[in-house]
C-alpha atoms as a PDB file:
ATOM      1  CA  UNK A   1      21.681 -15.689   9.911  1.00  0.00           C
ATOM      2  CA  UNK A   2      20.823 -19.043   8.886  1.00  0.00           C
ATOM      3  CA  UNK A   3      19.567 -19.687   4.671  1.00  0.00           C
ATOM      4  CA  UNK A   4      15.587 -20.250   5.043  1.00  0.00           C
ATOM      5  CA  UNK A   5      14.448 -22.104   2.985  1.00  0.00           C
ATOM      6  CA  UNK A   6      10.798 -21.054   0.998  1.00  0.00           C
ATOM      7  CA  UNK A   7       9.080 -24.716   2.135  1.00  0.00           C
ATOM      8  CA  UNK A   8       8.977 -23.587   5.191  1.00  0.00           C
ATOM      9  CA  UNK A   9       7.598 -19.953   4.656  1.00  0.00           C
ATOM     10  CA  UNK A  10       3.852 -21.564   5.656  1.00  0.00           C
ATOM     11  CA  UNK A  11       5.486 -22.511   9.081  1.00  0.00           C
ATOM     12  CA  UNK A  12       6.761 -19.474   9.434  1.00  0.00           C
ATOM     13  CA  UNK A  13       3.814 -17.188   8.603  1.00  0.00           C
ATOM     14  CA  UNK A  14       1.192 -19.189   8.858  1.00  0.00           C
ATOM     15  CA  UNK A  15      -1.381 -16.443   7.999  1.00  0.00           C
ATOM     16  CA  UNK A  16      -2.233 -16.448   4.247  1.00  0.00           C
ATOM     17  CA  UNK A  17      -2.894 -12.403   4.226  1.00  0.00           C
ATOM     18  CA  UNK A  18       0.284 -12.677   6.154  1.00  0.00           C
ATOM     19  CA  UNK A  19       2.448 -14.215   3.619  1.00  0.00           C
ATOM     20  CA  UNK A  20       1.319 -12.054   0.905  1.00  0.00           C
ATOM     21  CA  UNK A  21       2.094  -8.814   2.168  1.00  0.00           C
ATOM     22  CA  UNK A  22       6.365 -10.340   3.021  1.00  0.00           C
ATOM     23  CA  UNK A  23       6.376 -11.360  -0.701  1.00  0.00           C
ATOM     24  CA  UNK A  24       5.342  -8.066  -2.112  1.00  0.00           C
ATOM     25  CA  UNK A  25       7.803  -6.187   0.458  1.00  0.00           C
ATOM     26  CA  UNK A  26      10.719  -8.491  -0.683  1.00  0.00           C
ATOM     27  CA  UNK A  27      10.197  -8.075  -4.264  1.00  0.00           C
ATOM     28  CA  UNK A  28      10.355  -4.252  -3.967  1.00  0.00           C
ATOM     29  CA  UNK A  29      13.507  -5.008  -1.923  1.00  0.00           C
ATOM     30  CA  UNK A  30      14.876  -6.685  -4.593  1.00  0.00           C
ATOM     31  CA  UNK A  31      13.897  -3.620  -7.286  1.00  0.00           C
ATOM     32  CA  UNK A  32      15.789  -1.126  -5.607  1.00  0.00           C
ATOM     33  CA  UNK A  33      18.738  -3.331  -5.168  1.00  0.00           C
ATOM     34  CA  UNK A  34      21.386  -2.931  -8.053  1.00  0.00           C
ATOM     35  CA  UNK A  35      20.465  -5.768 -10.407  1.00  0.00           C
ATOM     36  CA  UNK A  36      21.094  -8.488  -9.021  1.00  0.00           C
ATOM     37  CA  UNK A  37      24.054  -9.459  -6.747  1.00  0.00           C
ATOM     38  CA  UNK A  38      22.362 -12.823  -6.020  1.00  0.00           C
ATOM     39  CA  UNK A  39      24.159 -15.387  -4.433  1.00  0.00           C
ATOM     40  CA  UNK A  40      24.208 -18.477  -5.406  1.00  0.00           C
ATOM     41  CA  UNK A  41      22.985 -20.721  -2.736  1.00  0.00           C
ATOM     42  CA  UNK A  42      19.908 -21.969  -2.001  1.00  0.00           C
ATOM     43  CA  UNK A  43      17.773 -19.009  -1.456  1.00  0.00           C
ATOM     44  CA  UNK A  44      16.178 -18.109   1.474  1.00  0.00           C
ATOM     45  CA  UNK A  45      15.575 -14.768   3.479  1.00  0.00           C
ATOM     46  CA  UNK A  46      19.038 -14.400   4.830  1.00  0.00           C
ATOM     47  CA  UNK A  47      20.863 -11.736   3.310  1.00  0.00           C
ATOM     48  CA  UNK A  48      24.653 -13.224   3.486  1.00  0.00           C
ATOM     49  CA  UNK A  49      26.312 -10.860   0.066  1.00  0.00           C
ATOM     50  CA  UNK A  50      24.432  -7.270   1.022  1.00  0.00           C
ATOM     51  CA  UNK A  51      27.495  -6.563   2.473  1.00  0.00           C
ATOM     52  CA  UNK A  52      31.361  -7.347   1.989  1.00  0.00           C
ATOM     53  CA  UNK A  53      32.087 -10.350   3.951  1.00  0.00           C
ATOM     54  CA  UNK A  54      29.175 -11.180   5.650  1.00  0.00           C
ATOM     55  CA  UNK A  55      28.631 -14.135   6.753  1.00  0.00           C
ATOM     56  CA  UNK A  56      25.611 -16.201   7.705  1.00  0.00           C
ATOM     57  CA  UNK A  57      26.701 -16.585  11.217  1.00  0.00           C
ATOM     58  CA  UNK A  58      27.815 -14.222  14.494  1.00  0.00           C
ATOM     59  CA  UNK A  59      27.964 -10.532  14.271  1.00  0.00           C
ATOM     60  CA  UNK A  60      27.046  -9.942  10.755  1.00  0.00           C
ATOM     61  CA  UNK A  61      23.646 -11.736  11.500  1.00  0.00           C
ATOM     62  CA  UNK A  62      22.807  -8.106  13.058  1.00  0.00           C
ATOM     63  CA  UNK A  63      24.632  -6.151  10.588  1.00  0.00           C
ATOM     64  CA  UNK A  64      22.336  -8.017   7.631  1.00  0.00           C
ATOM     65  CA  UNK A  65      18.982  -6.749  10.028  1.00  0.00           C
ATOM     66  CA  UNK A  66      20.062  -3.644   9.798  1.00  0.00           C
ATOM     67  CA  UNK A  67      20.627  -3.539   6.439  1.00  0.00           C
ATOM     68  CA  UNK A  68      16.929  -5.033   6.173  1.00  0.00           C
ATOM     69  CA  UNK A  69      15.433  -2.849   7.635  1.00  0.00           C
ATOM     70  CA  UNK A  70      17.222   0.539   6.113  1.00  0.00           C
ATOM     71  CA  UNK A  71      15.858  -1.270   2.818  1.00  0.00           C
ATOM     72  CA  UNK A  72      12.647  -1.872   4.065  1.00  0.00           C
ATOM     73  CA  UNK A  73      12.486   2.680   5.039  1.00  0.00           C
ATOM     74  CA  UNK A  74      13.223   3.053   1.429  1.00  0.00           C
ATOM     75  CA  UNK A  75      10.294   1.024  -0.442  1.00  0.00           C
ATOM     76  CA  UNK A  76       7.648   3.771   0.464  1.00  0.00           C
ATOM     77  CA  UNK A  77       9.628   6.545  -1.418  1.00  0.00           C
ATOM     78  CA  UNK A  78      10.795   3.523  -4.587  1.00  0.00           C
ATOM     79  CA  UNK A  79       7.169   2.333  -4.523  1.00  0.00           C
ATOM     80  CA  UNK A  80       5.832   6.264  -4.966  1.00  0.00           C
ATOM     81  CA  UNK A  81       8.476   7.089  -7.388  1.00  0.00           C
ATOM     82  CA  UNK A  82       7.392   4.236  -9.869  1.00  0.00           C
ATOM     83  CA  UNK A  83       3.766   5.038 -10.191  1.00  0.00           C
ATOM     84  CA  UNK A  84       2.729   8.205 -11.026  1.00  0.00           C
ATOM     85  CA  UNK A  85       2.084   9.679  -7.889  1.00  0.00           C
ATOM     86  CA  UNK A  86       4.997  11.640  -8.790  1.00  0.00           C
ATOM     87  CA  UNK A  87       3.103  13.679 -11.739  1.00  0.00           C
ATOM     88  CA  UNK A  88      -0.303  13.823  -9.626  1.00  0.00           C
ATOM     89  CA  UNK A  89       1.452  15.543  -6.467  1.00  0.00           C
ATOM     90  CA  UNK A  90       3.100  18.267  -8.675  1.00  0.00           C
ATOM     91  CA  UNK A  91       0.201  18.668 -10.577  1.00  0.00           C
ATOM     92  CA  UNK A  92      -1.938  18.983  -7.475  1.00  0.00           C
ATOM     93  CA  UNK A  93       0.367  22.057  -5.741  1.00  0.00           C
ATOM     94  CA  UNK A  94       0.690  23.918  -8.792  1.00  0.00           C
ATOM     95  CA  UNK A  95      -3.158  23.949  -8.606  1.00  0.00           C
ATOM     96  CA  UNK A  96      -3.199  24.923  -5.229  1.00  0.00           C
ATOM     97  CA  UNK A  97      -0.233  27.833  -5.937  1.00  0.00           C
ATOM     98  CA  UNK A  98      -2.447  29.186  -8.799  1.00  0.00           C
ATOM     99  CA  UNK A  99      -5.527  29.066  -7.047  1.00  0.00           C
ATOM    100  CA  UNK A 100      -3.478  31.272  -4.399  1.00  0.00           C
ATOM    101  CA  UNK A 101      -5.466  29.079  -1.545  1.00  0.00           C
ATOM    102  CA  UNK A 102      -1.952  28.660   0.282  1.00  0.00           C
ATOM    103  CA  UNK A 103      -2.537  25.679   2.523  1.00  0.00           C
ATOM    104  CA  UNK A 104      -6.211  24.504   1.012  1.00  0.00           C
ATOM    105  CA  UNK A 105      -6.305  21.574   0.583  1.00  0.00           C
ATOM    106  CA  UNK A 106      -3.674  20.688   3.095  1.00  0.00           C
ATOM    107  CA  UNK A 107      -0.695  18.800   1.889  1.00  0.00           C
ATOM    108  CA  UNK A 108      -2.432  15.634   3.664  1.00  0.00           C
ATOM    109  CA  UNK A 109      -5.348  15.927   1.716  1.00  0.00           C
ATOM    110  CA  UNK A 110      -3.171  16.600  -1.363  1.00  0.00           C
ATOM    111  CA  UNK A 111      -1.199  13.169  -0.292  1.00  0.00           C
ATOM    112  CA  UNK A 112      -3.997  11.445   0.232  1.00  0.00           C
ATOM    113  CA  UNK A 113      -5.742  11.946  -2.994  1.00  0.00           C
ATOM    114  CA  UNK A 114      -2.764  10.959  -5.234  1.00  0.00           C
ATOM    115  CA  UNK A 115      -2.143   7.851  -2.960  1.00  0.00           C
ATOM    116  CA  UNK A 116      -6.050   6.565  -4.049  1.00  0.00           C
ATOM    117  CA  UNK A 117      -5.542   7.276  -7.703  1.00  0.00           C
ATOM    118  CA  UNK A 118      -2.361   5.809  -8.025  1.00  0.00           C
ATOM    119  CA  UNK A 119      -3.806   2.837  -6.226  1.00  0.00           C
ATOM    120  CA  UNK A 120      -6.678   3.287  -9.124  1.00  0.00           C
ATOM    121  CA  UNK A 121      -3.977   3.289 -11.752  1.00  0.00           C
ATOM    122  CA  UNK A 122      -1.585   0.300 -10.558  1.00  0.00           C
ATOM    123  CA  UNK A 123      -4.190  -1.902 -10.146  1.00  0.00           C
ATOM    124  CA  UNK A 124      -4.201  -3.722 -13.536  1.00  0.00           C
ATOM    125  CA  UNK A 125       0.172  -3.864 -12.753  1.00  0.00           C
ATOM    126  CA  UNK A 126      -0.712  -5.379  -9.516  1.00  0.00           C
ATOM    127  CA  UNK A 127      -3.484  -7.322 -10.372  1.00  0.00           C
ATOM    128  CA  UNK A 128      -1.028  -8.831 -12.882  1.00  0.00           C
ATOM    129  CA  UNK A 129       2.309  -8.893 -10.130  1.00  0.00           C
ATOM    130  CA  UNK A 130      -0.200 -10.680  -8.002  1.00  0.00           C
ATOM    131  CA  UNK A 131      -1.347 -13.525 -10.502  1.00  0.00           C
ATOM    132  CA  UNK A 132       2.521 -14.083 -12.102  1.00  0.00           C
ATOM    133  CA  UNK A 133       4.597 -14.060  -9.328  1.00  0.00           C
ATOM    134  CA  UNK A 134       2.426 -13.678  -6.115  1.00  0.00           C
ATOM    135  CA  UNK A 135       0.380 -16.659  -6.605  1.00  0.00           C
ATOM    136  CA  UNK A 136       2.640 -18.999  -7.937  1.00  0.00           C
ATOM    137  CA  UNK A 137       5.443 -18.239  -5.072  1.00  0.00           C
ATOM    138  CA  UNK A 138       2.631 -18.863  -2.467  1.00  0.00           C
ATOM    139  CA  UNK A 139       2.080 -22.206  -3.639  1.00  0.00           C
ATOM    140  CA  UNK A 140       5.005 -22.981  -3.378  1.00  0.00           C
ATOM    141  CA  UNK A 141       6.157 -23.584  -7.485  1.00  0.00           C
ATOM    142  CA  UNK A 142       8.589 -20.951  -7.626  1.00  0.00           C
ATOM    143  CA  UNK A 143      11.601 -19.183  -5.779  1.00  0.00           C
ATOM    144  CA  UNK A 144      11.663 -15.845  -4.112  1.00  0.00           C
ATOM    145  CA  UNK A 145      13.910 -14.923  -6.804  1.00  0.00           C
ATOM    146  CA  UNK A 146      11.985 -16.221 -10.032  1.00  0.00           C
ATOM    147  CA  UNK A 147       8.785 -14.342  -8.163  1.00  0.00           C
ATOM    148  CA  UNK A 148      10.841 -11.088  -8.751  1.00  0.00           C
ATOM    149  CA  UNK A 149      11.905 -11.666 -12.117  1.00  0.00           C
ATOM    150  CA  UNK A 150       7.963 -12.508 -12.882  1.00  0.00           C
ATOM    151  CA  UNK A 151       6.902  -9.672 -11.134  1.00  0.00           C
ATOM    152  CA  UNK A 152       9.890  -7.664 -12.629  1.00  0.00           C
ATOM    153  CA  UNK A 153       7.610  -7.543 -15.927  1.00  0.00           C
ATOM    154  CA  UNK A 154       4.140  -5.548 -15.631  1.00  0.00           C
ATOM    155  CA  UNK A 155       6.282  -2.409 -13.927  1.00  0.00           C
ATOM    156  CA  UNK A 156       8.513  -2.290 -16.647  1.00  0.00           C
ATOM    157  CA  UNK A 157       6.234  -2.222 -18.739  1.00  0.00           C
ATOM    158  CA  UNK A 158       4.487   0.446 -17.015  1.00  0.00           C
ATOM    159  CA  UNK A 159       7.107   2.939 -16.978  1.00  0.00           C
ATOM    160  CA  UNK A 160       8.319   2.351 -20.540  1.00  0.00           C
ATOM    161  CA  UNK A 161       4.935   3.478 -21.680  1.00  0.00           C
ATOM    162  CA  UNK A 162       5.072   6.760 -19.850  1.00  0.00           C
ATOM    163  CA  UNK A 163       9.054   7.178 -20.024  1.00  0.00           C
ATOM    164  CA  UNK A 164      10.494   9.443 -22.477  1.00  0.00           C
ATOM    165  CA  UNK A 165      12.661   7.841 -25.322  1.00  0.00           C
ATOM    166  CA  UNK A 166      15.423  11.475 -24.906  1.00  0.00           C
ATOM    167  CA  UNK A 167      15.129  10.466 -21.107  1.00  0.00           C
ATOM    168  CA  UNK A 168      15.858   6.855 -21.222  1.00  0.00           C
ATOM    169  CA  UNK A 169      18.442   7.189 -23.968  1.00  0.00           C
ATOM    170  CA  UNK A 170      20.300   9.857 -21.296  1.00  0.00           C
ATOM    171  CA  UNK A 171      20.731   6.941 -18.975  1.00  0.00           C
ATOM    172  CA  UNK A 172      21.612   4.905 -21.100  1.00  0.00           C
ATOM    173  CA  UNK A 173      24.547   7.113 -22.140  1.00  0.00           C
ATOM    174  CA  UNK A 174      25.463   7.827 -18.326  1.00  0.00           C
ATOM    175  CA  UNK A 175      25.308   4.124 -17.488  1.00  0.00           C
ATOM    176  CA  UNK A 176      27.955   3.576 -20.662  1.00  0.00           C
ATOM    177  CA  UNK A 177      25.481   0.432 -21.718  1.00  0.00           C
ATOM    178  CA  UNK A 178      24.806  -0.423 -24.919  1.00  0.00           C
ATOM    179  CA  UNK A 179      22.287   0.389 -26.991  1.00  0.00           C
ATOM    180  CA  UNK A 180      19.252  -2.739 -26.813  1.00  0.00           C
ATOM    181  CA  UNK A 181      17.151  -4.318 -29.859  1.00  0.00           C
ATOM    182  CA  UNK A 182      13.803  -2.873 -27.688  1.00  0.00           C
ATOM    183  CA  UNK A 183      13.360  -1.317 -24.627  1.00  0.00           C
ATOM    184  CA  UNK A 184      11.972  -4.725 -22.780  1.00  0.00           C
ATOM    185  CA  UNK A 185      15.669  -5.134 -23.155  1.00  0.00           C
ATOM    186  CA  UNK A 186      16.876  -1.936 -20.534  1.00  0.00           C
ATOM    187  CA  UNK A 187      17.538  -2.380 -17.497  1.00  0.00           C
ATOM    188  CA  UNK A 188      15.087  -1.313 -14.576  1.00  0.00           C
ATOM    189  CA  UNK A 189      18.385   0.580 -13.265  1.00  0.00           C
ATOM    190  CA  UNK A 190      17.920   2.882 -16.671  1.00  0.00           C
ATOM    191  CA  UNK A 191      13.906   2.592 -16.644  1.00  0.00           C
ATOM    192  CA  UNK A 192      13.260   3.532 -13.571  1.00  0.00           C
ATOM    193  CA  UNK A 193      14.987   7.442 -13.467  1.00  0.00           C
ATOM    194  CA  UNK A 194      13.844   7.997 -16.819  1.00  0.00           C
ATOM    195  CA  UNK A 195      10.148   7.389 -16.062  1.00  0.00           C
ATOM    196  CA  UNK A 196      10.921   9.416 -12.708  1.00  0.00           C
ATOM    197  CA  UNK A 197      12.733  11.880 -14.534  1.00  0.00           C
ATOM    198  CA  UNK A 198       9.181  12.117 -17.259  1.00  0.00           C
ATOM    199  CA  UNK A 199       6.701  12.007 -15.043  1.00  0.00           C
ATOM    200  CA  UNK A 200       8.989  15.265 -13.539  1.00  0.00           C
ATOM    201  CA  UNK A 201       8.749  16.679 -17.042  1.00  0.00           C
ATOM    202  CA  UNK A 202       4.879  15.823 -17.099  1.00  0.00           C
ATOM    203  CA  UNK A 203       3.870  17.627 -14.067  1.00  0.00           C
ATOM    204  CA  UNK A 204       5.508  20.292 -14.364  1.00  0.00           C
ATOM    205  CA  UNK A 205       3.794  21.060 -18.315  1.00  0.00           C
ATOM    206  CA  UNK A 206       0.764  19.816 -16.929  1.00  0.00           C
ATOM    207  CA  UNK A 207       0.841  22.529 -13.789  1.00  0.00           C
ATOM    208  CA  UNK A 208       2.177  25.204 -16.464  1.00  0.00           C
ATOM    209  CA  UNK A 209      -1.179  25.189 -18.516  1.00  0.00           C
ATOM    210  CA  UNK A 210      -3.553  25.091 -15.261  1.00  0.00           C
ATOM    211  CA  UNK A 211      -1.476  28.407 -14.056  1.00  0.00           C
ATOM    212  CA  UNK A 212      -2.462  30.643 -17.430  1.00  0.00           C
ATOM    213  CA  UNK A 213      -6.284  30.897 -16.926  1.00  0.00           C
ATOM    214  CA  UNK A 214      -5.659  31.979 -13.651  1.00  0.00           C
ATOM    215  CA  UNK A 215      -2.739  34.493 -13.992  1.00  0.00           C
ATOM    216  CA  UNK A 216      -5.121  35.843 -16.978  1.00  0.00           C
ATOM    217  CA  UNK A 217      -7.361  36.592 -13.713  1.00  0.00           C
ATOM    218  CA  UNK A 218      -4.509  37.931 -11.375  1.00  0.00           C
ATOM    219  CA  UNK A 219      -3.360  40.242 -14.382  1.00  0.00           C
ATOM    220  CA  UNK A 220      -6.851  41.402 -15.363  1.00  0.00           C
ATOM    221  CA  UNK A 221      -7.442  42.218 -11.929  1.00  0.00           C
ATOM    222  CA  UNK A 222      -4.293  44.290 -10.817  1.00  0.00           C
ATOM    223  CA  UNK A 223      -5.251  46.314 -13.783  1.00  0.00           C
ATOM    224  CA  UNK A 224      -8.468  47.380 -12.784  1.00  0.00           C
ATOM    225  CA  UNK A 225      -7.459  47.796  -8.866  1.00  0.00           C
ATOM    226  CA  UNK A 226      -4.665  49.509 -10.533  1.00  0.00           C
ATOM    227  CA  UNK A 227      -6.982  51.949 -12.843  1.00  0.00           C
ATOM    228  CA  UNK A 228      -9.636  52.845 -10.196  1.00  0.00           C
ATOM    229  CA  UNK A 229      -7.275  53.763  -7.469  1.00  0.00           C
ATOM    230  CA  UNK A 230      -7.528  50.944  -5.377  1.00  0.00           C
ATOM    231  CA  UNK A 231      -4.209  50.843  -3.523  1.00  0.00           C
ATOM    232  CA  UNK A 232      -5.164  50.025  -0.459  1.00  0.00           C
ATOM    233  CA  UNK A 233      -6.546  46.501  -0.923  1.00  0.00           C
ATOM    234  CA  UNK A 234      -4.211  44.038  -3.004  1.00  0.00           C
ATOM    235  CA  UNK A 235      -5.153  42.597  -5.668  1.00  0.00           C
ATOM    236  CA  UNK A 236      -4.928  39.076  -4.441  1.00  0.00           C
ATOM    237  CA  UNK A 237      -7.503  39.753  -2.145  1.00  0.00           C
ATOM    238  CA  UNK A 238      -9.922  40.261  -4.922  1.00  0.00           C
ATOM    239  CA  UNK A 239      -8.543  37.866  -7.521  1.00  0.00           C
ATOM    240  CA  UNK A 240      -8.584  35.042  -4.837  1.00  0.00           C
ATOM    241  CA  UNK A 241     -12.307  34.732  -4.885  1.00  0.00           C
ATOM    242  CA  UNK A 242     -12.926  34.671  -8.126  1.00  0.00           C
ATOM    243  CA  UNK A 243     -10.299  32.228  -9.526  1.00  0.00           C
ATOM    244  CA  UNK A 244     -12.266  29.929  -7.079  1.00  0.00           C
ATOM    245  CA  UNK A 245     -15.590  30.917  -7.863  1.00  0.00           C
ATOM    246  CA  UNK A 246     -14.050  30.164 -11.803  1.00  0.00           C
ATOM    247  CA  UNK A 247     -12.956  26.840 -10.403  1.00  0.00           C
ATOM    248  CA  UNK A 248     -15.818  25.865  -9.171  1.00  0.00           C
ATOM    249  CA  UNK A 249     -18.320  27.025 -11.319  1.00  0.00           C
ATOM    250  CA  UNK A 250     -16.305  24.738 -14.461  1.00  0.00           C
ATOM    251  CA  UNK A 251     -15.934  21.816 -12.583  1.00  0.00           C
ATOM    252  CA  UNK A 252     -12.402  21.865 -11.979  1.00  0.00           C
ATOM    253  CA  UNK A 253     -11.655  18.981  -9.399  1.00  0.00           C
ATOM    254  CA  UNK A 254     -14.024  16.716 -12.266  1.00  0.00           C
ATOM    255  CA  UNK A 255     -12.043  18.285 -15.302  1.00  0.00           C
ATOM    256  CA  UNK A 256      -8.101  18.088 -13.837  1.00  0.00           C
ATOM    257  CA  UNK A 257      -8.794  14.670 -12.197  1.00  0.00           C
ATOM    258  CA  UNK A 258     -10.596  13.217 -15.378  1.00  0.00           C
ATOM    259  CA  UNK A 259      -8.043  14.998 -17.480  1.00  0.00           C
ATOM    260  CA  UNK A 260      -5.154  13.182 -15.615  1.00  0.00           C
ATOM    261  CA  UNK A 261      -6.576   9.634 -15.553  1.00  0.00           C
ATOM    262  CA  UNK A 262      -6.890   9.859 -19.059  1.00  0.00           C
ATOM    263  CA  UNK A 263      -3.482  11.122 -19.468  1.00  0.00           C
ATOM    264  CA  UNK A 264      -2.809   7.596 -18.147  1.00  0.00           C
ATOM    265  CA  UNK A 265      -4.527   5.982 -20.945  1.00  0.00           C
END
């Protein structure tokens, strides 16, 4: 696969929007790769160096395409793991289980709501990446690798804000890396898993707090139905409408979304 200079990007991808999307994809590919296995030749879109002994000609071009397509399939999981999506989705699933509504709202609804809220929360980070990295790259002022370095900075700053120090220390120890003078000096291979672990912990903590009021309703309902001898009707049949009614009366969705958004303030 021949090297493709950045200067030829405009001729190969004439549409400006398409160029921006392509630049964003390459940013996420770089974030997923080990930091950093970079060739020292002229920057381009060919992928020699991803495979041991791969060259830019012959059959290795096919393998480079396979590697590129494989990385493209990993981008959604990588992106969602580096954003608030994980915490939001966990909380919404806990809420559904606490209400006892089984499949309402559906998985598609919860995922869509989580994606919309994630976009809302990540908009400032996306704007910083666009202005600091994609605009200069599109204008031809910087190379792709320089744009990648600039794009990593807002993402690292966002993740460090919500990653617990305990989780960061864990992955620094697992990586056998020296303790940095500042958190900003940490590698993305340490920050990303520490952030994901912190988001999982935060999501489960919020979900456990959500369960408590609904658990009280379940216990009270079960105690009353047992005391009056209503054995033919399961307590969950009675408690589920009561829990939904309570959630609607207190405007639960507004309270929950507001609290989740403020937790990222």
